[in-house]
């Protein structure tokens, strides 16, 4: 094998390992206890994946296997560092971060979502980010309030 070919393989492998950073919003990083634990667990998983990649003998394969864990470690390290743990709401009178809100849409559908941090949000599991348009519209409202969201109306049925 020629030296030129070996350098080409290394350059190619190096190019494969430069991943763009995961975007981090400029919104305040509010988290629930579960959200903080999830961030810490994801950071630990990324660290374990990097350690596993670092024992590989083939330098090109090590670079490939390290790319995602390195990127994820940067992301989760920053998210854990900037996390602001929010206490569980003590009152259910006014919607705040951490509340579970049930509302009826103007089309008759009833939906329930918990307002959580960005990394914890998963609408398919009934949680939305505190920075989502729905959460922004709901925060500060009370049971019985009608919230206008674009062309839609939501009536708040319960807060827990």
N, C-alpha and C. Protein backbone atom coordinates (compact mmCIF):
# COMPACT_ATOMS: atom_id res chain seq x y z
N UNK A 1 0.84 -1.16 0.00
CA UNK A 1 0.00 0.00 0.00
C UNK A 1 0.89 1.23 0.00
N UNK A 2 0.54 2.19 -0.83
CA UNK A 2 1.36 3.40 -0.90
C UNK A 2 1.02 4.32 0.27
N UNK A 3 1.96 5.19 0.62
CA UNK A 3 1.77 6.15 1.70
C UNK A 3 0.65 7.12 1.33
N UNK A 4 0.56 7.49 0.07
CA UNK A 4 -0.48 8.42 -0.38
C UNK A 4 -1.87 7.86 -0.10
N UNK A 5 -2.03 6.54 -0.34
CA UNK A 5 -3.34 5.92 -0.10
C UNK A 5 -3.67 5.93 1.39
N UNK A 6 -2.69 5.67 2.23
CA UNK A 6 -2.90 5.66 3.67
C UNK A 6 -3.31 7.04 4.15
N UNK A 7 -2.69 8.08 3.64
CA UNK A 7 -3.04 9.44 4.04
C UNK A 7 -4.45 9.78 3.58
N UNK A 8 -4.80 9.32 2.38
CA UNK A 8 -6.14 9.58 1.86
C UNK A 8 -7.18 8.94 2.76
N UNK A 9 -6.93 7.70 3.20
CA UNK A 9 -7.86 7.02 4.09
C UNK A 9 -7.98 7.78 5.40
N UNK A 10 -6.87 8.26 5.94
CA UNK A 10 -6.91 9.00 7.20
C UNK A 10 -7.65 10.32 7.03
N UNK A 11 -7.41 11.01 5.93
CA UNK A 11 -8.11 12.27 5.68
C UNK A 11 -9.60 12.02 5.51
N UNK A 12 -9.95 10.96 4.82
CA UNK A 12 -11.36 10.61 4.63
C UNK A 12 -12.00 10.28 5.97
N UNK A 13 -11.31 9.49 6.77
CA UNK A 13 -11.84 9.12 8.08
C UNK A 13 -11.98 10.34 8.98
N UNK A 14 -11.01 11.23 8.91
CA UNK A 14 -11.07 12.43 9.73
C UNK A 14 -12.25 13.30 9.32
N UNK A 15 -12.51 13.41 8.03
CA UNK A 15 -13.64 14.21 7.56
C UNK A 15 -14.96 13.63 8.04
N UNK A 16 -15.05 12.32 8.15
CA UNK A 16 -16.28 11.67 8.61
C UNK A 16 -16.54 11.93 10.08
N UNK A 17 -15.50 12.29 10.83
CA UNK A 17 -15.65 12.44 12.28
C UNK A 17 -15.94 13.88 12.70
N UNK A 18 -15.97 14.80 11.78
CA UNK A 18 -16.27 16.18 12.13
C UNK A 18 -17.77 16.39 11.97
N UNK A 19 -18.46 16.28 13.07
CA UNK A 19 -19.91 16.44 13.06
C UNK A 19 -20.26 17.84 13.54
N UNK A 20 -21.28 18.43 12.96
CA UNK A 20 -21.70 19.75 13.46
C UNK A 20 -22.22 19.62 14.88
N UNK A 21 -22.06 20.68 15.65
CA UNK A 21 -22.55 20.67 17.03
C UNK A 21 -24.06 20.56 17.05
N UNK A 22 -24.58 19.89 18.07
CA UNK A 22 -26.02 19.84 18.25
C UNK A 22 -26.47 21.25 18.63
N UNK A 23 -27.52 21.74 18.00
CA UNK A 23 -27.95 23.11 18.31
C UNK A 23 -28.48 23.22 19.75
N UNK A 24 -28.11 24.31 20.39
CA UNK A 24 -28.59 24.61 21.73
C UNK A 24 -29.33 25.93 21.64
N UNK A 25 -30.58 25.92 22.05
CA UNK A 25 -31.37 27.14 21.95
C UNK A 25 -30.86 28.18 22.94
N UNK A 26 -31.23 29.41 22.71
CA UNK A 26 -30.83 30.46 23.63
C UNK A 26 -31.87 30.68 24.73
N UNK A 27 -32.87 29.81 24.76
CA UNK A 27 -33.92 29.89 25.79
C UNK A 27 -33.33 29.37 27.11
N UNK A 28 -33.80 29.91 28.22
CA UNK A 28 -33.34 29.46 29.54
C UNK A 28 -33.58 27.95 29.66
N UNK A 29 -32.62 27.25 30.27
CA UNK A 29 -32.64 25.78 30.34
C UNK A 29 -33.31 25.31 31.63
N UNK A 30 -34.63 25.48 31.71
CA UNK A 30 -35.38 25.01 32.86
C UNK A 30 -35.55 23.50 32.76
N UNK A 31 -35.44 22.80 33.90
CA UNK A 31 -35.59 21.35 33.91
C UNK A 31 -36.37 20.91 35.13
N UNK A 32 -37.08 19.79 34.98
CA UNK A 32 -37.69 19.11 36.12
C UNK A 32 -36.64 18.17 36.69
N UNK A 33 -36.93 17.56 37.84
CA UNK A 33 -36.00 16.57 38.38
C UNK A 33 -35.76 15.45 37.39
N UNK A 34 -36.84 14.96 36.77
CA UNK A 34 -36.71 13.89 35.78
C UNK A 34 -35.91 14.36 34.57
N UNK A 35 -36.09 15.60 34.18
CA UNK A 35 -35.35 16.15 33.04
C UNK A 35 -33.87 16.25 33.32
N UNK A 36 -33.50 16.68 34.53
CA UNK A 36 -32.09 16.76 34.90
C UNK A 36 -31.47 15.38 34.93
N UNK A 37 -32.20 14.41 35.48
CA UNK A 37 -31.68 13.03 35.53
C UNK A 37 -31.49 12.50 34.11
N UNK A 38 -32.43 12.79 33.22
CA UNK A 38 -32.31 12.35 31.83
C UNK A 38 -31.06 12.95 31.19
N UNK A 39 -30.80 14.24 31.42
CA UNK A 39 -29.61 14.88 30.87
C UNK A 39 -28.34 14.22 31.41
N UNK A 40 -28.31 13.96 32.71
CA UNK A 40 -27.15 13.31 33.33
C UNK A 40 -26.96 11.89 32.80
N UNK A 41 -28.06 11.17 32.62
CA UNK A 41 -27.98 9.80 32.07
C UNK A 41 -27.46 9.81 30.64
N UNK A 42 -27.93 10.76 29.84
CA UNK A 42 -27.47 10.85 28.45
C UNK A 42 -25.99 11.21 28.39
N UNK A 43 -25.54 12.09 29.28
CA UNK A 43 -24.12 12.42 29.35
C UNK A 43 -23.30 11.19 29.72
N UNK A 44 -23.77 10.42 30.68
CA UNK A 44 -23.07 9.19 31.08
C UNK A 44 -23.02 8.19 29.92
N UNK A 45 -24.13 8.06 29.17
CA UNK A 45 -24.15 7.16 28.01
C UNK A 45 -23.13 7.60 26.96
N UNK A 46 -23.05 8.90 26.72
CA UNK A 46 -22.08 9.40 25.74
C UNK A 46 -20.66 9.14 26.21
N UNK A 47 -20.41 9.31 27.50
CA UNK A 47 -19.07 9.03 28.05
C UNK A 47 -18.71 7.56 27.90
N UNK A 48 -19.67 6.67 28.16
CA UNK A 48 -19.43 5.24 28.02
C UNK A 48 -19.16 4.86 26.56
N UNK A 49 -19.91 5.47 25.64
CA UNK A 49 -19.71 5.18 24.22
C UNK A 49 -18.33 5.66 23.77
N UNK A 50 -17.91 6.81 24.28
CA UNK A 50 -16.58 7.32 23.93
C UNK A 50 -15.48 6.41 24.49
N UNK A 51 -15.65 5.96 25.71
CA UNK A 51 -14.67 5.04 26.30
C UNK A 51 -14.59 3.75 25.49
N UNK A 52 -15.73 3.25 25.05
CA UNK A 52 -15.74 2.03 24.23
C UNK A 52 -15.03 2.26 22.90
N UNK A 53 -15.25 3.42 22.31
CA UNK A 53 -14.60 3.73 21.03
C UNK A 53 -13.10 3.89 21.20
N UNK A 54 -12.68 4.44 22.32
CA UNK A 54 -11.25 4.71 22.52
C UNK A 54 -10.40 3.47 22.69
N UNK A 55 -11.00 2.31 22.92
CA UNK A 55 -10.22 1.08 23.05
C UNK A 55 -10.03 0.39 21.71
N UNK A 56 -10.68 0.89 20.67
CA UNK A 56 -10.52 0.29 19.34
C UNK A 56 -9.10 0.52 18.83
N UNK A 57 -8.51 -0.51 18.23
CA UNK A 57 -7.14 -0.40 17.75
C UNK A 57 -7.04 0.38 16.45
N UNK A 58 -7.98 0.20 15.57
CA UNK A 58 -7.94 0.88 14.27
C UNK A 58 -8.27 2.35 14.47
N UNK A 59 -7.31 3.22 14.16
CA UNK A 59 -7.46 4.65 14.40
C UNK A 59 -8.62 5.23 13.61
N UNK A 60 -8.82 4.77 12.39
CA UNK A 60 -9.92 5.29 11.58
C UNK A 60 -11.27 4.88 12.15
N UNK A 61 -11.37 3.63 12.59
CA UNK A 61 -12.62 3.17 13.19
C UNK A 61 -12.85 3.87 14.53
N UNK A 62 -11.79 4.11 15.28
CA UNK A 62 -11.90 4.83 16.55
C UNK A 62 -12.46 6.23 16.31
N UNK A 63 -11.96 6.90 15.27
CA UNK A 63 -12.47 8.25 14.94
C UNK A 63 -13.95 8.19 14.57
N UNK A 64 -14.30 7.21 13.76
CA UNK A 64 -15.71 7.08 13.35
C UNK A 64 -16.62 6.82 14.55
N UNK A 65 -16.20 5.90 15.41
CA UNK A 65 -17.02 5.52 16.56
C UNK A 65 -17.05 6.60 17.64
N UNK A 66 -16.08 7.49 17.63
CA UNK A 66 -16.01 8.56 18.64
C UNK A 66 -16.80 9.80 18.25
N UNK A 67 -17.10 9.96 16.98
CA UNK A 67 -17.70 11.21 16.50
C UNK A 67 -19.00 11.57 17.21
N UNK A 68 -19.93 10.67 17.25
CA UNK A 68 -21.23 10.96 17.87
C UNK A 68 -21.08 11.14 19.38
N UNK A 69 -20.38 10.24 20.09
CA UNK A 69 -20.23 10.46 21.53
C UNK A 69 -19.55 11.78 21.89
N UNK A 70 -18.54 12.19 21.13
CA UNK A 70 -17.87 13.46 21.41
C UNK A 70 -18.85 14.61 21.25
N UNK A 71 -19.60 14.59 20.16
CA UNK A 71 -20.59 15.64 19.92
C UNK A 71 -21.65 15.64 21.03
N UNK A 72 -22.14 14.46 21.38
CA UNK A 72 -23.17 14.37 22.42
C UNK A 72 -22.63 14.78 23.79
N UNK A 73 -21.38 14.45 24.08
CA UNK A 73 -20.80 14.87 25.36
C UNK A 73 -20.75 16.38 25.46
N UNK A 74 -20.36 17.05 24.37
CA UNK A 74 -20.34 18.51 24.38
C UNK A 74 -21.73 19.07 24.67
N UNK A 75 -22.71 18.51 23.98
CA UNK A 75 -24.09 18.97 24.13
C UNK A 75 -24.59 18.75 25.55
N UNK A 76 -24.51 17.52 26.04
CA UNK A 76 -25.06 17.21 27.35
C UNK A 76 -24.27 17.85 28.49
N UNK A 77 -22.98 18.02 28.33
CA UNK A 77 -22.20 18.74 29.34
C UNK A 77 -22.72 20.16 29.48
N UNK A 78 -22.96 20.82 28.36
CA UNK A 78 -23.48 22.19 28.39
C UNK A 78 -24.90 22.23 28.94
N UNK A 79 -25.73 21.27 28.58
CA UNK A 79 -27.12 21.26 29.06
C UNK A 79 -27.18 21.00 30.57
N UNK A 80 -26.32 20.11 31.08
CA UNK A 80 -26.28 19.87 32.52
C UNK A 80 -25.73 21.12 33.22
N UNK A 81 -24.70 21.73 32.65
CA UNK A 81 -24.09 22.91 33.25
C UNK A 81 -25.08 24.06 33.37
N UNK A 82 -25.91 24.26 32.38
CA UNK A 82 -26.83 25.39 32.36
C UNK A 82 -28.22 25.07 32.91
N UNK A 83 -28.44 23.82 33.31
CA UNK A 83 -29.76 23.41 33.79
C UNK A 83 -30.14 24.18 35.05
N UNK A 84 -31.38 24.65 35.06
CA UNK A 84 -31.93 25.31 36.24
C UNK A 84 -33.10 24.46 36.73
N UNK A 85 -32.83 23.71 37.80
CA UNK A 85 -33.82 22.81 38.35
C UNK A 85 -34.96 23.61 38.96
N UNK A 86 -36.15 23.32 38.49
CA UNK A 86 -37.35 24.00 38.98
C UNK A 86 -38.07 23.11 39.98
N UNK A 87 -38.54 23.70 41.04
CA UNK A 87 -39.28 22.93 42.04
C UNK A 87 -40.66 22.59 41.50
N UNK A 88 -41.25 21.57 42.08
CA UNK A 88 -42.60 21.15 41.71
C UNK A 88 -43.56 22.27 42.11
N UNK A 89 -44.49 22.64 41.24
CA UNK A 89 -45.42 23.70 41.60
C UNK A 89 -46.20 23.35 42.87
N UNK A 90 -46.34 24.34 43.75
CA UNK A 90 -47.05 24.11 45.02
C UNK A 90 -48.51 24.49 44.94
N UNK A 91 -48.89 25.23 43.93
CA UNK A 91 -50.27 25.65 43.77
C UNK A 91 -50.74 25.29 42.37
N UNK A 92 -51.99 24.94 42.25
CA UNK A 92 -52.56 24.61 40.94
C UNK A 92 -53.52 25.69 40.45
N UNK A 93 -53.35 26.90 40.96
CA UNK A 93 -54.24 27.99 40.57
C UNK A 93 -53.85 28.63 39.25
N UNK A 94 -52.54 28.80 39.03
CA UNK A 94 -52.04 29.47 37.82
C UNK A 94 -51.02 28.54 37.16
N UNK A 95 -51.11 28.40 35.85
CA UNK A 95 -50.22 27.50 35.11
C UNK A 95 -48.80 28.04 35.12
N UNK A 96 -47.87 27.16 35.52
CA UNK A 96 -46.44 27.47 35.50
C UNK A 96 -45.68 26.26 34.96
N UNK A 97 -44.38 26.40 34.86
CA UNK A 97 -43.50 25.31 34.47
C UNK A 97 -43.74 24.14 35.42
N UNK A 98 -43.87 22.94 34.87
CA UNK A 98 -44.05 21.73 35.66
C UNK A 98 -45.50 21.30 35.81
N UNK A 99 -46.43 22.17 35.48
CA UNK A 99 -47.84 21.80 35.60
C UNK A 99 -48.28 20.88 34.46
N UNK A 100 -49.29 20.09 34.76
CA UNK A 100 -49.99 19.32 33.75
C UNK A 100 -51.30 20.04 33.52
N UNK A 101 -51.58 20.35 32.26
CA UNK A 101 -52.74 21.16 31.91
C UNK A 101 -53.63 20.37 30.95
N UNK A 102 -54.92 20.37 31.26
CA UNK A 102 -55.90 19.78 30.36
C UNK A 102 -56.71 20.92 29.78
N UNK A 103 -56.87 20.91 28.46
CA UNK A 103 -57.65 21.96 27.81
C UNK A 103 -58.50 21.35 26.71
N UNK A 104 -59.55 22.06 26.36
CA UNK A 104 -60.41 21.64 25.26
C UNK A 104 -60.18 22.59 24.11
N UNK A 105 -59.94 22.02 22.95
CA UNK A 105 -59.74 22.81 21.74
C UNK A 105 -61.09 23.22 21.17
N UNK A 106 -61.08 24.22 20.31
CA UNK A 106 -62.34 24.68 19.72
C UNK A 106 -62.96 23.65 18.78
N UNK A 107 -62.21 22.60 18.42
CA UNK A 107 -62.78 21.54 17.59
C UNK A 107 -63.36 20.41 18.44
N UNK A 108 -63.39 20.61 19.78
CA UNK A 108 -63.99 19.63 20.67
C UNK A 108 -63.02 18.62 21.27
N UNK A 109 -61.80 18.54 20.74
CA UNK A 109 -60.83 17.58 21.29
C UNK A 109 -60.29 18.08 22.63
N UNK A 110 -60.07 17.15 23.53
CA UNK A 110 -59.46 17.46 24.82
C UNK A 110 -58.04 16.92 24.80
N UNK A 111 -57.10 17.74 25.26
CA UNK A 111 -55.70 17.33 25.31
C UNK A 111 -55.12 17.66 26.67
N UNK A 112 -54.15 16.86 27.08
CA UNK A 112 -53.45 17.07 28.35
C UNK A 112 -51.95 17.03 28.08
N UNK A 113 -51.25 18.04 28.56
CA UNK A 113 -49.80 18.11 28.41
C UNK A 113 -49.18 18.61 29.70
N UNK A 114 -47.97 18.13 29.97
CA UNK A 114 -47.16 18.65 31.08
C UNK A 114 -46.13 19.59 30.47
N UNK A 115 -45.91 20.73 31.10
CA UNK A 115 -44.96 21.72 30.63
C UNK A 115 -43.61 21.42 31.28
N UNK A 116 -42.62 21.10 30.44
CA UNK A 116 -41.30 20.66 30.91
C UNK A 116 -40.20 21.37 30.13
N UNK A 117 -38.95 21.00 30.38
CA UNK A 117 -37.81 21.56 29.68
C UNK A 117 -37.72 21.07 28.24
N UNK A 118 -36.89 21.76 27.46
CA UNK A 118 -36.76 21.46 26.03
C UNK A 118 -36.30 20.03 25.76
N UNK A 119 -35.32 19.56 26.49
CA UNK A 119 -34.77 18.22 26.23
C UNK A 119 -35.71 17.12 26.69
N UNK A 120 -36.57 17.42 27.62
CA UNK A 120 -37.49 16.44 28.18
C UNK A 120 -38.80 16.36 27.39
N UNK A 121 -39.10 17.41 26.64
CA UNK A 121 -40.38 17.49 25.93
C UNK A 121 -40.53 16.37 24.91
N UNK A 122 -41.75 15.79 24.91
CA UNK A 122 -42.08 14.75 23.95
C UNK A 122 -43.60 14.74 23.80
N UNK A 123 -44.13 15.48 22.82
CA UNK A 123 -45.59 15.58 22.67
C UNK A 123 -46.30 14.22 22.57
N UNK A 124 -45.65 13.22 22.00
CA UNK A 124 -46.29 11.91 21.91
C UNK A 124 -46.43 11.25 23.29
N UNK A 125 -45.70 11.77 24.26
CA UNK A 125 -45.80 11.29 25.65
C UNK A 125 -46.41 12.36 26.55
N UNK A 126 -47.16 13.26 25.95
CA UNK A 126 -47.94 14.28 26.66
C UNK A 126 -47.10 15.28 27.44
N UNK A 127 -45.93 15.66 26.89
CA UNK A 127 -45.15 16.73 27.50
C UNK A 127 -44.69 17.68 26.40
N UNK A 128 -44.72 18.97 26.74
CA UNK A 128 -44.31 19.99 25.78
C UNK A 128 -43.29 20.92 26.43
N UNK A 129 -42.44 21.50 25.61
CA UNK A 129 -41.42 22.43 26.08
C UNK A 129 -42.06 23.72 26.57
N UNK A 130 -41.48 24.28 27.61
CA UNK A 130 -41.95 25.56 28.12
C UNK A 130 -41.80 26.66 27.08
N UNK A 131 -41.01 26.42 26.05
CA UNK A 131 -40.82 27.40 24.98
C UNK A 131 -41.71 27.17 23.78
N UNK A 132 -42.55 26.16 23.83
CA UNK A 132 -43.45 25.89 22.70
C UNK A 132 -44.56 26.94 22.67
N UNK A 133 -45.11 27.20 21.50
CA UNK A 133 -46.19 28.19 21.41
C UNK A 133 -47.37 27.88 22.33
N UNK A 134 -47.73 26.61 22.45
CA UNK A 134 -48.85 26.24 23.32
C UNK A 134 -48.51 26.57 24.78
N UNK A 135 -47.33 26.16 25.25
CA UNK A 135 -46.95 26.42 26.64
C UNK A 135 -46.85 27.92 26.90
N UNK A 136 -46.27 28.65 25.98
CA UNK A 136 -46.16 30.11 26.16
C UNK A 136 -47.55 30.73 26.31
N UNK A 137 -48.51 30.24 25.51
CA UNK A 137 -49.87 30.77 25.60
C UNK A 137 -50.55 30.37 26.90
N UNK A 138 -50.22 29.20 27.45
CA UNK A 138 -50.89 28.70 28.65
C UNK A 138 -50.32 29.26 29.96
N UNK A 139 -49.03 29.49 30.01
CA UNK A 139 -48.39 29.92 31.26
C UNK A 139 -49.00 31.24 31.73
N UNK A 140 -49.36 31.25 33.01
CA UNK A 140 -49.97 32.42 33.62
C UNK A 140 -51.49 32.41 33.59
N UNK A 141 -52.07 31.43 32.94
CA UNK A 141 -53.54 31.35 32.84
C UNK A 141 -54.11 30.46 33.94
N UNK A 142 -55.43 30.51 34.10
CA UNK A 142 -56.12 29.74 35.14
C UNK A 142 -57.25 28.91 34.53
N UNK A 143 -57.82 28.01 35.34
CA UNK A 143 -58.94 27.18 34.88
C UNK A 143 -60.08 28.08 34.44
N UNK A 144 -60.65 27.76 33.28
CA UNK A 144 -61.75 28.53 32.71
C UNK A 144 -61.32 29.57 31.71
N UNK A 145 -60.03 29.93 31.73
CA UNK A 145 -59.53 30.92 30.76
C UNK A 145 -59.61 30.37 29.35
N UNK A 146 -59.87 31.26 28.41
CA UNK A 146 -59.83 30.93 26.98
C UNK A 146 -58.53 31.51 26.45
N UNK A 147 -57.75 30.66 25.82
CA UNK A 147 -56.45 31.06 25.28
C UNK A 147 -56.56 31.08 23.76
N UNK A 148 -56.11 32.16 23.17
CA UNK A 148 -56.09 32.26 21.71
C UNK A 148 -54.70 31.88 21.22
N UNK A 149 -54.67 30.93 20.31
CA UNK A 149 -53.42 30.43 19.76
C UNK A 149 -53.57 30.43 18.25
N UNK A 150 -53.10 31.50 17.63
CA UNK A 150 -53.33 31.65 16.20
C UNK A 150 -54.82 31.79 15.96
N UNK A 151 -55.36 30.95 15.11
CA UNK A 151 -56.80 30.97 14.82
C UNK A 151 -57.59 30.07 15.76
N UNK A 152 -56.90 29.36 16.64
CA UNK A 152 -57.52 28.40 17.53
C UNK A 152 -57.80 29.00 18.91
N UNK A 153 -58.77 28.41 19.59
CA UNK A 153 -59.06 28.75 20.97
C UNK A 153 -58.95 27.49 21.82
N UNK A 154 -58.38 27.66 23.00
CA UNK A 154 -58.26 26.57 23.95
C UNK A 154 -58.90 27.01 25.25
N UNK A 155 -59.76 26.17 25.83
CA UNK A 155 -60.33 26.47 27.13
C UNK A 155 -59.65 25.58 28.16
N UNK A 156 -59.08 26.19 29.18
CA UNK A 156 -58.36 25.45 30.21
C UNK A 156 -59.37 24.77 31.13
N UNK A 157 -59.26 23.44 31.21
CA UNK A 157 -60.19 22.65 32.02
C UNK A 157 -59.65 22.31 33.40
N UNK A 158 -58.34 22.00 33.47
CA UNK A 158 -57.76 21.67 34.77
C UNK A 158 -56.25 21.90 34.76
N UNK A 159 -55.74 22.12 35.97
CA UNK A 159 -54.30 22.32 36.20
C UNK A 159 -53.91 21.39 37.34
N UNK A 160 -52.90 20.60 37.13
CA UNK A 160 -52.42 19.72 38.23
C UNK A 160 -50.91 19.64 38.21
